[in-house]
Amino acid sequence: MAFIRLIAALIGFVFGFFLGASLLQVTQVTPVSNQVLVVLLLAAACAILGWLGAPYVTVLPAGIIVARIRAAQAGDLIGGAFGAAVGLILALFLAFPLSFLPGEVGRYAPLVTALVLGLVGATAGIVKRNELGAFAQGVRGKTRVRGVDARVLLDTSVIIDGRIADVVRSGFVQGTLIVPRFVLAELQYFNDSPDGSRRERGRRGLEMLAKMQKEATVKVELSDDDPAGSGADAKLVTLARSLSVPIMTNDYGLNRVAELQGITVLNMNDLAKAVRPVVLPGEEITVRVIQEGKEQAQGVGYLEDGTMVVIENGARHIGTELAVTVMRVLQTVGGRMIFAQPKGETSEARRPRAIDR
């Protein structure tokens, strides 16, 4: 700071000296004997002003500019620079014909045009930065294999769920997984929560992100984009629309809202249903009986994918692995249910009976 003040004082002294000499030559009011004193006093006054005012015209503005740059998103800076460059290029083409305008207009018109077009271009680049990014991705994507450069936006629920990490490891998902900063902030909020359940969810989500970052088949990209919105779901929908990318989620509400706005949604639950093994009547499967069913003598077990298996006469086999024969498969709103009986038994499954009145 002292060095800057010293330089400013020297510049002020030199400026005051030449200013005083010029004024005296024009006015010649002061007697010749006092002219040197007047010039020195004016130079000293300018030096003092330079010393005192240096921080306000150098350090403080520079600090404000640096703070603004740090607070700005990388997309804003890139979009603004690109837009300003385009505006200045247009101004360059217009400078030559504008210079032929008569009088002072022709002298200053190119400069004014460059300033206006540069500012307009920078503003347009900042406002349309998402569209510019999507366009650039589309241009690059034409030279790549379709699907390898796919970009997918992840929400909090699908990260916490954890199955996405296994899907990525299997190689079925490739390309770029985009995680917005506000989603990461939500995970961190859960991780710091005093509630044990929420803290466990946040920790699991952060672990899943770290695990996916180590996979070679995908790239996990942290996005600084933070659209206007009252919540993470609204911001995700806005961001997905601006980037023209699908959303991967387990949240039913977000799924519905995004689909209503024409956004492609990749639901992990739908994927899990799609890859479930098909079980047909007459097939034999092995299931562990873990509890009694609602009906007398029924046993209940579950397949690895969570499908409930109701076993007639299976209550006596609780706690054991049992080979059963599938009798029928019932599809419900909550999923599917399999009705079976122990292998080798020939009796039919007991069906609910109407209550006599």
Foldseek 3Di string as FASTA:
>chain_A
DQVLLQVQLVVQLVVLLVVLVVVCVVPVPDDPVCSVVSSNVSSNVRSVCSNVCRCVVPVVVVVVVVVVVVPDFPLLVVLLVVQLVVLQVVLVVVLVVLLPDDDVRNVCVSVVSSVVSNVVRSVVRNVLSLLVVLVVLVVVCVPDDPQQQAEEEEALAVLLVLVVLVCVQVLVHAHEYEYEPVRLVCLVCQCPDPDPVSVSSSVSSVVSVVSNCPRPRYHYHYHDDADDDDDPLVRVLVSCVSNVHAYEHQDPVSVVVSVVVVHHYHYVVVVLQVPDDDDAAFDKDKFAFAAADPDPLWTWTADPSGAIEIEHNCHVRHGHIFIWGWHHKAADPVGIHTYTYGPPDDDDDDDDDDDDD
